[in-house]
Protein backbone atom coordinates (compact mmCIF):
# COMPACT_ATOMS: atom_id res chain seq x y z
CA MET A 1 87.93 114.22 112.93
CA GLU A 2 84.41 115.10 112.21
CA THR A 3 81.53 116.35 113.64
CA ILE A 4 78.14 114.92 112.70
CA ALA A 5 74.86 115.77 113.99
CA PHE A 6 72.35 112.65 113.99
CA ILE A 7 68.54 113.85 113.64
CA PRO A 8 66.23 110.78 114.57
CA ALA A 9 62.30 111.34 113.70
CA ARG A 10 60.51 107.85 113.38
CA SER A 11 57.07 107.66 111.87
CA GLY A 12 55.72 105.99 114.61
CA SER A 13 53.94 107.98 117.48
CA SER A 14 51.70 106.30 119.98
CA ARG A 15 50.54 109.56 122.00
CA LEU A 16 50.63 112.02 119.50
CA LYS A 17 50.16 110.06 115.63
CA ASN A 18 52.42 111.91 113.16
CA LYS A 19 53.76 114.38 115.70
CA ASN A 20 57.81 115.04 113.81
CA ILE A 21 55.78 116.69 110.77
CA LEU A 22 52.76 118.54 112.55
CA LEU A 23 53.41 121.46 111.58
CA ILE A 24 54.17 125.00 113.70
CA ASN A 25 54.71 128.29 111.50
CA LYS A 26 53.62 126.46 108.68
CA LYS A 27 56.90 123.70 108.90
CA PRO A 28 56.72 120.57 109.74
CA LEU A 29 57.96 119.97 113.09
CA ILE A 30 61.22 118.26 112.18
CA PHE A 31 62.19 121.53 110.17
CA TRP A 32 63.22 123.32 112.95
CA THR A 33 66.14 121.14 114.74
CA LEU A 34 67.25 120.74 110.87
CA LYS A 35 67.63 124.82 110.69
CA THR A 36 69.16 124.83 113.78
CA ALA A 37 71.90 122.17 112.54
CA ILE A 38 72.56 124.10 109.50
CA GLU A 39 72.62 127.51 110.43
CA LEU A 40 75.11 126.89 113.29
CA ASN A 41 77.36 125.96 110.09
CA ILE A 42 79.86 123.67 112.40
CA PHE A 43 78.41 120.36 111.23
CA ASP A 44 80.66 118.08 108.26
CA ASN A 45 77.47 116.16 108.26
CA ILE A 46 73.95 116.31 109.04
CA ILE A 47 72.15 112.94 109.35
CA PHE A 48 68.24 112.72 109.25
CA SER A 49 67.23 109.01 110.02
CA SER A 50 63.89 108.14 109.66
CA ASP A 51 61.87 105.37 107.91
CA SER A 52 59.87 107.81 105.72
CA LYS A 53 60.92 108.13 102.63
CA ARG A 54 57.56 111.33 102.65
CA TYR A 55 59.05 112.49 106.09
CA TYR A 56 62.33 113.09 104.04
CA ASP A 57 60.47 115.05 101.48
CA LEU A 58 58.70 117.41 103.34
CA LEU A 59 62.08 117.90 105.12
CA ILE A 60 63.69 118.88 101.97
CA LYS A 61 61.06 120.50 100.19
CA SER A 62 60.75 123.21 103.42
CA LEU A 63 64.38 123.85 103.96
CA LYS A 64 64.43 124.67 100.46
CA LYS A 65 61.48 127.04 100.70
CA SER A 66 63.57 128.87 103.45
CA ASN A 67 66.42 129.15 101.29
CA LEU A 68 68.43 126.64 103.66
CA SER A 69 70.92 124.70 102.14
CA THR A 70 70.59 121.19 102.07
CA LYS A 71 73.87 119.82 100.61
CA LYS A 72 75.25 118.88 103.89
CA ILE A 73 72.03 116.56 104.45
CA THR A 74 72.18 112.53 104.24
CA PHE A 75 68.88 110.57 105.25
CA ASP A 76 69.27 107.57 106.51
CA LEU A 77 66.57 105.82 106.15
CA ARG A 78 65.71 103.26 108.96
CA SER A 79 64.08 99.53 108.40
CA THR A 80 60.88 99.17 110.23
CA GLU A 81 62.84 96.96 112.55
CA GLN A 82 65.43 99.66 113.15
CA ALA A 83 62.75 102.33 114.13
CA GLY A 84 60.40 100.29 116.56
CA GLN A 85 59.16 101.36 119.26
CA LYS A 86 61.56 98.48 121.36
CA LYS A 87 63.94 100.02 119.73
CA LYS A 88 66.59 102.49 121.60
CA ILE A 89 68.37 105.35 119.51
CA PHE A 90 71.24 104.31 121.82
CA ASP A 91 71.23 100.93 120.40
CA TYR A 92 70.39 102.29 117.04
CA ILE A 93 73.73 104.11 116.76
CA LYS A 94 75.85 101.24 118.58
CA TYR A 95 75.21 99.01 116.52
CA ASP A 96 73.69 100.07 112.94
CA LEU A 97 74.62 103.85 112.25
CA ILE A 98 78.85 103.68 113.10
CA LYS A 99 78.96 100.42 110.96
CA LYS A 100 76.34 102.01 107.73
CA PHE A 101 78.69 105.33 107.75
CA LYS A 102 81.67 104.03 108.57
CA PHE A 103 82.65 106.36 111.24
CA SER A 104 85.83 107.24 112.46
CA LYS A 105 86.95 106.22 116.33
CA LYS A 106 87.73 110.15 116.25
CA ASP A 107 84.28 111.21 115.13
CA LEU A 108 81.93 113.23 117.44
CA ILE A 109 78.37 112.54 117.12
CA VAL A 110 75.64 115.29 118.45
CA GLN A 111 72.14 113.40 118.74
CA MET A 112 69.51 116.40 118.55
CA LEU A 113 65.55 115.05 118.67
CA PRO A 114 63.16 117.04 116.97
CA THR A 115 60.64 117.47 119.85
CA SER A 116 63.20 120.13 121.47
CA PRO A 117 62.73 122.49 118.33
CA LEU A 118 63.02 125.45 121.21
CA ARG A 119 66.83 124.74 121.70
CA THR A 120 69.37 127.51 121.07
CA LYS A 121 72.02 127.45 118.55
CA ASN A 122 74.05 128.84 121.38
CA THR A 123 73.36 126.60 124.05
CA VAL A 124 74.26 123.32 121.23
CA LYS A 125 77.68 125.28 120.28
CA LEU A 126 78.38 125.64 123.96
CA VAL A 127 77.46 121.71 124.68
CA ILE A 128 80.03 120.83 121.68
CA ASP A 129 82.94 123.03 122.70
CA LEU A 130 82.47 120.98 126.02
CA SER A 131 82.53 117.71 124.52
CA LYS A 132 85.45 118.72 122.39
CA LYS A 133 87.14 120.17 125.69
CA THR A 134 87.27 117.38 128.06
CA LYS A 135 86.78 114.65 124.72
CA LYS A 136 84.12 113.60 127.27
CA ASN A 137 80.28 112.49 126.28
CA VAL A 138 78.12 115.30 127.46
CA PHE A 139 74.25 115.04 127.87
CA THR A 140 71.76 117.94 128.87
CA VAL A 141 69.76 118.25 131.51
CA SER A 142 67.11 120.73 132.99
CA LYS A 143 65.33 121.08 135.97
CA TYR A 144 61.69 119.07 136.62
CA ASP A 145 58.92 121.55 136.11
CA PHE A 146 57.23 120.67 140.03
CA HIS A 147 59.55 119.25 142.92
CA ILE A 148 59.77 115.91 142.61
CA SER A 149 60.17 116.36 146.67
CA PHE A 150 56.40 115.70 146.66
CA ALA A 151 56.14 113.04 144.72
CA LEU A 152 53.21 110.63 146.14
CA ILE A 153 51.71 107.48 144.41
CA LEU A 154 47.95 107.25 145.11
CA LYS A 155 45.52 103.80 145.33
CA ASN A 156 42.03 104.04 146.40
CA ASN A 157 42.08 107.35 147.27
CA LYS A 158 44.95 107.01 149.55
CA TRP A 159 48.68 108.22 149.15
CA LYS A 160 51.89 107.34 149.95
CA ALA A 161 54.79 109.48 150.02
CA LEU A 162 58.04 107.90 147.95
CA PHE A 163 60.47 109.85 150.01
CA ASN A 164 61.18 109.15 153.93
CA ASN A 165 61.66 112.94 154.20
CA SER A 166 58.95 114.14 152.33
CA PRO A 167 57.29 117.79 152.40
CA LEU A 168 54.35 115.90 152.84
CA LYS A 169 55.09 114.46 155.76
CA ASN A 170 57.54 117.29 157.60
CA GLY A 171 55.06 120.23 156.56
CA LYS A 172 58.15 121.96 155.06
CA THR A 173 56.32 122.83 151.44
CA GLN A 174 58.09 126.01 150.45
CA SER A 175 59.79 126.07 147.30
CA GLN A 176 62.99 127.14 149.00
CA ASP A 177 63.09 124.39 151.12
CA GLN A 178 62.91 121.70 147.87
CA LYS A 179 66.79 120.64 146.41
CA GLU A 180 66.77 120.67 142.96
CA PHE A 181 66.28 117.78 140.77
CA LEU A 182 67.53 117.53 137.46
CA ARG A 183 66.19 115.24 134.36
CA PRO A 184 67.54 114.58 130.77
CA ASN A 185 66.41 116.62 128.05
CA PRO A 186 67.05 115.76 124.46
CA VAL A 187 68.44 119.02 123.37
CA ALA A 188 72.31 118.09 122.41
CA ASN A 189 74.33 114.72 123.76
CA CYS A 190 77.16 114.32 122.67
CA LEU A 191 78.71 111.13 121.78
CA TRP A 192 82.49 110.17 120.82
CA VAL A 193 82.39 107.13 118.45
CA LYS A 194 85.72 106.30 120.78
CA ASN A 195 83.81 106.22 123.84
CA ILE A 196 80.94 103.69 122.64
CA LYS A 197 81.66 100.37 123.56
CA LYS A 198 80.11 96.92 123.12
CA SER A 199 79.62 97.24 127.02
CA THR A 200 78.37 100.62 126.97
CA LYS A 201 74.41 100.97 127.69
CA SER A 202 73.54 104.33 127.65
CA ILE A 203 74.88 107.51 126.50
CA TYR A 204 74.65 108.98 130.67
CA GLU A 205 77.94 105.99 131.54
CA GLN A 206 80.74 108.17 132.15
CA ALA A 207 79.06 110.86 130.84
CA LEU A 208 79.28 114.99 131.56
CA ALA A 209 75.89 116.94 132.06
CA PHE A 210 75.19 120.54 130.86
CA LYS A 211 72.21 122.39 132.75
CA THR A 212 69.40 124.06 130.09
CA ASN A 213 66.99 126.58 130.60
CA SER A 214 63.88 125.32 131.28
CA ILE A 215 62.27 126.68 127.69
CA GLU A 216 64.44 125.04 125.31
CA SER A 217 64.47 121.48 127.07
CA ILE A 218 61.21 121.39 126.22
CA ASP A 219 59.93 117.97 124.72
CA ILE A 220 57.01 117.26 122.51
CA ASP A 221 55.59 113.78 123.95
CA ASN A 222 51.52 114.75 123.56
CA LYS A 223 49.27 117.11 122.19
CA SER A 224 49.13 119.77 125.19
CA ASP A 225 53.36 119.67 125.00
CA PHE A 226 52.82 120.39 120.95
CA LEU A 227 50.07 123.04 121.74
CA ILE A 228 52.40 124.60 124.60
CA VAL A 229 55.38 125.42 121.74
CA LYS A 230 53.63 125.34 119.00
CA SER A 231 51.27 128.91 120.49
CA MET A 232 55.37 130.03 122.27
CA MET A 233 56.33 129.65 118.50
CA GLU A 234 54.00 131.54 116.52
CA ASN A 235 54.04 134.43 118.81
CA GLY A 236 57.24 134.98 118.97
């Protein structure tokens, strides 16, 4: 049985161009997730997957400058089709990655997206420990930034609440009156190869959820997200 880190970073990004190599503390964004994976020292193999050789070269250069070992890193060069916007990462794992690297049914794939550079090593370790203890897939979750019970749709300045018991209708607008709703985040997703079948539609099927804090779960999707994370990291 091997524990494999899988870190995908395609070059195309519609909302924030080349976000995976934007600099934080003079290092490309992809550096920080690879740094975490290396320093954990629990992975048998660390697969960096991208459609860009340039991304890989930048990554290796930045790791070596920081005196981090690159001996366990394997570069998985994806085709343009495999890294397209319509290609889900899970589908790539299921149909391409497992065959390409000839993974064993006993292997554990730990997917970490570079867009969550604030994850802690302790959280990743706890997620992996839970997955190994239960032999189940595990995905990380965190609270929504704002109570979704207030959700509404708007058309021509007229609004409609999405929930029948909306606080916009019943007047119970205090925070303590709201239920806690959670969302998946890309901090760490553990996938047992034996649990990935042709009929499996997502990483969430029959998986356990592990709650992370709101800071390490920040997912960079646009310029505002990036500037927030950049400021947090560069100011300690």
